[in-house]
């Protein structure tokens, strides 16, 4: 327990997690062989990265409960955080639909029924959309698809605004 931190009631996250993106892939299997237990990925990192993490999980032989898997889903529309990266794929969907569909896509590629931590990767353009996306995260947690939820790449004022509305 000295190498983990409690991030939600009963949910302990390793202090060190391995991530990787398409342009800089990581060796997830080696990480697990060397004793690492935290794996970090995201919808935006690409299907190849998600599949690589999923293969490492499956081939590790470790019980799922011994691993900590984090994934991140986009908040769309988003023209400011990552220059709209990926949001064009979701142009006909509301932010709540984007979160649900991206999360299920991640779970399918990872080959897991749930993740330990599911993050909103960035705020949407409008706070109303960000709130809708976050509420979809809450639904995913309630349905057991995520043990804990949170946000990523939010500044202090956006965190305050979101907390006031959720």
C-alpha atoms as a PDB file:
ATOM      1  CA  UNK A   1       0.000   0.000   0.000  1.00  0.00           C
ATOM      2  CA  UNK A   2       2.981   2.348   0.312  1.00  0.00           C
ATOM      3  CA  UNK A   3       3.227   2.502  -3.463  1.00  0.00           C
ATOM      4  CA  UNK A   4      -0.436   3.415  -3.995  1.00  0.00           C
ATOM      5  CA  UNK A   5      -2.765   6.276  -3.144  1.00  0.00           C
ATOM      6  CA  UNK A   6      -6.492   6.117  -2.426  1.00  0.00           C
ATOM      7  CA  UNK A   7      -8.247   8.161  -5.110  1.00  0.00           C
ATOM      8  CA  UNK A   8     -11.819   7.196  -4.202  1.00  0.00           C
ATOM      9  CA  UNK A   9     -13.318   5.091  -1.420  1.00  0.00           C
ATOM     10  CA  UNK A  10     -11.774   1.634  -1.771  1.00  0.00           C
ATOM     11  CA  UNK A  11      -9.895   2.501  -4.981  1.00  0.00           C
ATOM     12  CA  UNK A  12      -6.100   2.574  -4.709  1.00  0.00           C
ATOM     13  CA  UNK A  13      -4.008   3.731  -7.663  1.00  0.00           C
ATOM     14  CA  UNK A  14      -0.312   2.944  -8.112  1.00  0.00           C
ATOM     15  CA  UNK A  15       1.881   6.012  -7.733  1.00  0.00           C
ATOM     16  CA  UNK A  16       3.627   5.118 -10.999  1.00  0.00           C
ATOM     17  CA  UNK A  17       1.662   4.199 -14.125  1.00  0.00           C
ATOM     18  CA  UNK A  18       2.940   3.503 -17.629  1.00  0.00           C
ATOM     19  CA  UNK A  19       1.391   5.302 -20.571  1.00  0.00           C
ATOM     20  CA  UNK A  20       2.229   5.612 -24.205  1.00  0.00           C
ATOM     21  CA  UNK A  21       0.900   7.202 -27.343  1.00  0.00           C
ATOM     22  CA  UNK A  22       0.907   6.099 -30.965  1.00  0.00           C
ATOM     23  CA  UNK A  23       4.053   8.089 -31.774  1.00  0.00           C
ATOM     24  CA  UNK A  24       5.900   6.811 -28.684  1.00  0.00           C
ATOM     25  CA  UNK A  25       4.721   3.262 -27.925  1.00  0.00           C
ATOM     26  CA  UNK A  26       5.522   1.605 -24.620  1.00  0.00           C
ATOM     27  CA  UNK A  27       6.298  -2.014 -23.800  1.00  0.00           C
ATOM     28  CA  UNK A  28       3.364  -2.733 -21.488  1.00  0.00           C
ATOM     29  CA  UNK A  29       4.164  -6.434 -21.167  1.00  0.00           C
ATOM     30  CA  UNK A  30       7.693  -5.704 -19.987  1.00  0.00           C
ATOM     31  CA  UNK A  31       6.309  -3.127 -17.536  1.00  0.00           C
ATOM     32  CA  UNK A  32       4.064  -5.781 -15.987  1.00  0.00           C
ATOM     33  CA  UNK A  33       6.888  -8.363 -15.933  1.00  0.00           C
ATOM     34  CA  UNK A  34       9.088  -5.861 -14.058  1.00  0.00           C
ATOM     35  CA  UNK A  35       6.424  -5.345 -11.388  1.00  0.00           C
ATOM     36  CA  UNK A  36       4.507  -2.357 -12.709  1.00  0.00           C
ATOM     37  CA  UNK A  37       0.766  -2.555 -12.143  1.00  0.00           C
ATOM     38  CA  UNK A  38      -0.615   0.754 -13.434  1.00  0.00           C
ATOM     39  CA  UNK A  39      -1.462   1.158 -17.118  1.00  0.00           C
ATOM     40  CA  UNK A  40      -2.554   4.492 -18.576  1.00  0.00           C
ATOM     41  CA  UNK A  41      -4.233   4.874 -21.942  1.00  0.00           C
ATOM     42  CA  UNK A  42      -6.856   6.970 -23.730  1.00  0.00           C
ATOM     43  CA  UNK A  43      -9.227   6.922 -26.672  1.00  0.00           C
ATOM     44  CA  UNK A  44      -7.115   9.689 -28.232  1.00  0.00           C
ATOM     45  CA  UNK A  45      -3.932   7.592 -28.104  1.00  0.00           C
ATOM     46  CA  UNK A  46      -5.248   5.371 -30.883  1.00  0.00           C
ATOM     47  CA  UNK A  47      -6.665   1.903 -31.320  1.00  0.00           C
ATOM     48  CA  UNK A  48      -3.200   0.373 -31.710  1.00  0.00           C
ATOM     49  CA  UNK A  49      -2.166   1.616 -28.258  1.00  0.00           C
ATOM     50  CA  UNK A  50      -5.415   0.387 -26.700  1.00  0.00           C
ATOM     51  CA  UNK A  51      -4.983  -3.047 -28.291  1.00  0.00           C
ATOM     52  CA  UNK A  52      -1.361  -3.207 -27.093  1.00  0.00           C
ATOM     53  CA  UNK A  53      -2.445  -2.505 -23.527  1.00  0.00           C
ATOM     54  CA  UNK A  54      -5.193  -5.115 -23.876  1.00  0.00           C
ATOM     55  CA  UNK A  55      -2.728  -7.733 -25.149  1.00  0.00           C
ATOM     56  CA  UNK A  56      -0.388  -7.015 -22.228  1.00  0.00           C
ATOM     57  CA  UNK A  57      -3.249  -7.449 -19.764  1.00  0.00           C
ATOM     58  CA  UNK A  58      -4.398 -10.700 -21.374  1.00  0.00           C
ATOM     59  CA  UNK A  59      -0.918 -12.210 -21.690  1.00  0.00           C
ATOM     60  CA  UNK A  60       0.235 -11.206 -18.217  1.00  0.00           C
ATOM     61  CA  UNK A  61      -1.578 -14.060 -16.523  1.00  0.00           C
ATOM     62  CA  UNK A  62      -2.303 -11.687 -13.638  1.00  0.00           C
ATOM     63  CA  UNK A  63      -5.734 -11.447 -12.089  1.00  0.00           C
ATOM     64  CA  UNK A  64      -7.469  -8.299 -13.331  1.00  0.00           C
ATOM     65  CA  UNK A  65      -7.863  -7.097  -9.729  1.00  0.00           C
ATOM     66  CA  UNK A  66      -4.059  -6.869  -9.434  1.00  0.00           C
ATOM     67  CA  UNK A  67      -3.805  -4.360 -12.281  1.00  0.00           C
ATOM     68  CA  UNK A  68      -4.869  -0.715 -12.379  1.00  0.00           C
ATOM     69  CA  UNK A  69      -6.142   0.490 -15.745  1.00  0.00           C
ATOM     70  CA  UNK A  70      -6.806   4.156 -16.484  1.00  0.00           C
ATOM     71  CA  UNK A  71      -8.412   5.402 -19.672  1.00  0.00           C
ATOM     72  CA  UNK A  72      -9.527   8.805 -20.870  1.00  0.00           C
ATOM     73  CA  UNK A  73     -12.420   9.772 -23.128  1.00  0.00           C
ATOM     74  CA  UNK A  74     -12.847  12.964 -25.186  1.00  0.00           C
ATOM     75  CA  UNK A  75     -15.201  15.811 -24.372  1.00  0.00           C
ATOM     76  CA  UNK A  76     -16.697  17.057 -27.625  1.00  0.00           C
ATOM     77  CA  UNK A  77     -17.137  19.587 -29.062  1.00  0.00           C
ATOM     78  CA  UNK A  78     -13.642  20.790 -28.210  1.00  0.00           C
ATOM     79  CA  UNK A  79     -11.824  23.261 -30.395  1.00  0.00           C
ATOM     80  CA  UNK A  80      -9.523  24.726 -27.746  1.00  0.00           C
ATOM     81  CA  UNK A  81      -7.843  21.986 -25.679  1.00  0.00           C
ATOM     82  CA  UNK A  82      -6.336  19.775 -28.356  1.00  0.00           C
ATOM     83  CA  UNK A  83      -7.390  21.753 -31.425  1.00  0.00           C
ATOM     84  CA  UNK A  84     -10.469  19.569 -31.718  1.00  0.00           C
ATOM     85  CA  UNK A  85      -8.394  16.395 -32.038  1.00  0.00           C
ATOM     86  CA  UNK A  86     -10.748  13.497 -32.588  1.00  0.00           C
ATOM     87  CA  UNK A  87     -13.964  15.434 -32.149  1.00  0.00           C
ATOM     88  CA  UNK A  88     -14.681  15.409 -35.895  1.00  0.00           C
ATOM     89  CA  UNK A  89     -15.332  11.668 -35.446  1.00  0.00           C
ATOM     90  CA  UNK A  90     -18.235  12.532 -33.138  1.00  0.00           C
ATOM     91  CA  UNK A  91     -19.726  15.610 -34.868  1.00  0.00           C
ATOM     92  CA  UNK A  92     -23.273  14.227 -34.912  1.00  0.00           C
ATOM     93  CA  UNK A  93     -23.274  13.153 -31.246  1.00  0.00           C
ATOM     94  CA  UNK A  94     -23.866  14.959 -27.975  1.00  0.00           C
ATOM     95  CA  UNK A  95     -21.121  15.030 -25.345  1.00  0.00           C
ATOM     96  CA  UNK A  96     -22.820  12.349 -23.238  1.00  0.00           C
ATOM     97  CA  UNK A  97     -23.034  10.017 -26.233  1.00  0.00           C
ATOM     98  CA  UNK A  98     -19.375  10.654 -27.068  1.00  0.00           C
ATOM     99  CA  UNK A  99     -18.331   9.684 -23.538  1.00  0.00           C
ATOM    100  CA  UNK A 100     -20.436   6.505 -23.497  1.00  0.00           C
ATOM    101  CA  UNK A 101     -19.377   5.379 -26.987  1.00  0.00           C
ATOM    102  CA  UNK A 102     -15.685   6.206 -26.521  1.00  0.00           C
ATOM    103  CA  UNK A 103     -15.651   4.435 -23.147  1.00  0.00           C
ATOM    104  CA  UNK A 104     -17.233   1.298 -24.618  1.00  0.00           C
ATOM    105  CA  UNK A 105     -14.788   1.433 -27.531  1.00  0.00           C
ATOM    106  CA  UNK A 106     -11.904   1.599 -25.040  1.00  0.00           C
ATOM    107  CA  UNK A 107     -13.270  -1.308 -22.980  1.00  0.00           C
ATOM    108  CA  UNK A 108     -13.699  -3.419 -26.116  1.00  0.00           C
ATOM    109  CA  UNK A 109     -10.147  -2.741 -27.350  1.00  0.00           C
ATOM    110  CA  UNK A 110      -8.680  -3.296 -23.882  1.00  0.00           C
ATOM    111  CA  UNK A 111     -10.617  -6.548 -23.513  1.00  0.00           C
ATOM    112  CA  UNK A 112     -11.866  -5.628 -20.040  1.00  0.00           C
ATOM    113  CA  UNK A 113     -15.331  -5.209 -18.557  1.00  0.00           C
ATOM    114  CA  UNK A 114     -14.313  -2.113 -16.613  1.00  0.00           C
ATOM    115  CA  UNK A 115     -11.464   0.292 -15.953  1.00  0.00           C
ATOM    116  CA  UNK A 116     -10.256   1.375 -12.558  1.00  0.00           C
ATOM    117  CA  UNK A 117     -10.195   5.074 -13.448  1.00  0.00           C
ATOM    118  CA  UNK A 118     -12.029   6.785 -16.294  1.00  0.00           C
ATOM    119  CA  UNK A 119     -11.154  10.415 -16.954  1.00  0.00           C
ATOM    120  CA  UNK A 120     -12.662  13.124 -19.104  1.00  0.00           C
ATOM    121  CA  UNK A 121      -9.538  13.907 -21.131  1.00  0.00           C
ATOM    122  CA  UNK A 122     -10.224  17.628 -21.531  1.00  0.00           C
ATOM    123  CA  UNK A 123     -13.081  20.097 -21.110  1.00  0.00           C
ATOM    124  CA  UNK A 124     -15.589  20.668 -23.903  1.00  0.00           C
ATOM    125  CA  UNK A 125     -15.934  24.085 -25.513  1.00  0.00           C
ATOM    126  CA  UNK A 126     -18.976  24.928 -23.380  1.00  0.00           C
ATOM    127  CA  UNK A 127     -19.435  24.206 -19.675  1.00  0.00           C
ATOM    128  CA  UNK A 128     -22.936  22.864 -20.388  1.00  0.00           C
ATOM    129  CA  UNK A 129     -21.397  20.173 -22.616  1.00  0.00           C
ATOM    130  CA  UNK A 130     -18.652  19.452 -20.068  1.00  0.00           C
ATOM    131  CA  UNK A 131     -21.303  18.908 -17.390  1.00  0.00           C
ATOM    132  CA  UNK A 132     -23.250  16.563 -19.691  1.00  0.00           C
ATOM    133  CA  UNK A 133     -20.053  14.618 -20.418  1.00  0.00           C
ATOM    134  CA  UNK A 134     -19.183  14.382 -16.725  1.00  0.00           C
ATOM    135  CA  UNK A 135     -22.678  13.150 -15.871  1.00  0.00           C
ATOM    136  CA  UNK A 136     -22.154  10.404 -18.462  1.00  0.00           C
ATOM    137  CA  UNK A 137     -18.981   9.452 -16.558  1.00  0.00           C
ATOM    138  CA  UNK A 138     -21.072   9.256 -13.383  1.00  0.00           C
ATOM    139  CA  UNK A 139     -23.481   6.894 -15.172  1.00  0.00           C
ATOM    140  CA  UNK A 140     -20.589   4.704 -16.326  1.00  0.00           C
ATOM    141  CA  UNK A 141     -19.321   4.502 -12.750  1.00  0.00           C
ATOM    142  CA  UNK A 142     -22.813   3.631 -11.481  1.00  0.00           C
ATOM    143  CA  UNK A 143     -23.070   0.865 -14.104  1.00  0.00           C
ATOM    144  CA  UNK A 144     -19.752  -0.670 -13.003  1.00  0.00           C
ATOM    145  CA  UNK A 145     -17.753   0.222 -16.122  1.00  0.00           C
ATOM    146  CA  UNK A 146     -15.419   2.415 -14.032  1.00  0.00           C
ATOM    147  CA  UNK A 147     -14.452   2.112 -10.373  1.00  0.00           C
ATOM    148  CA  UNK A 148     -13.527   5.792 -10.145  1.00  0.00           C
ATOM    149  CA  UNK A 149     -13.967   8.818 -12.419  1.00  0.00           C
ATOM    150  CA  UNK A 150     -12.303  12.192 -12.789  1.00  0.00           C
ATOM    151  CA  UNK A 151     -11.010  14.902 -15.095  1.00  0.00           C
ATOM    152  CA  UNK A 152      -7.743  15.658 -16.872  1.00  0.00           C
ATOM    153  CA  UNK A 153      -6.266  18.824 -18.390  1.00  0.00           C
ATOM    154  CA  UNK A 154      -8.663  21.180 -16.574  1.00  0.00           C
ATOM    155  CA  UNK A 155      -7.344  24.422 -15.095  1.00  0.00           C
ATOM    156  CA  UNK A 156      -8.399  25.606 -11.631  1.00  0.00           C
ATOM    157  CA  UNK A 157     -11.226  27.842 -12.855  1.00  0.00           C
ATOM    158  CA  UNK A 158     -12.709  25.037 -14.981  1.00  0.00           C
ATOM    159  CA  UNK A 159     -12.486  22.618 -12.052  1.00  0.00           C
ATOM    160  CA  UNK A 160     -14.317  25.125  -9.847  1.00  0.00           C
ATOM    161  CA  UNK A 161     -16.999  25.712 -12.474  1.00  0.00           C
ATOM    162  CA  UNK A 162     -17.548  21.981 -12.991  1.00  0.00           C
ATOM    163  CA  UNK A 163     -17.719  21.296  -9.259  1.00  0.00           C
ATOM    164  CA  UNK A 164     -20.413  23.955  -8.851  1.00  0.00           C
ATOM    165  CA  UNK A 165     -22.574  22.261 -11.469  1.00  0.00           C
ATOM    166  CA  UNK A 166     -22.202  18.592 -10.569  1.00  0.00           C
END
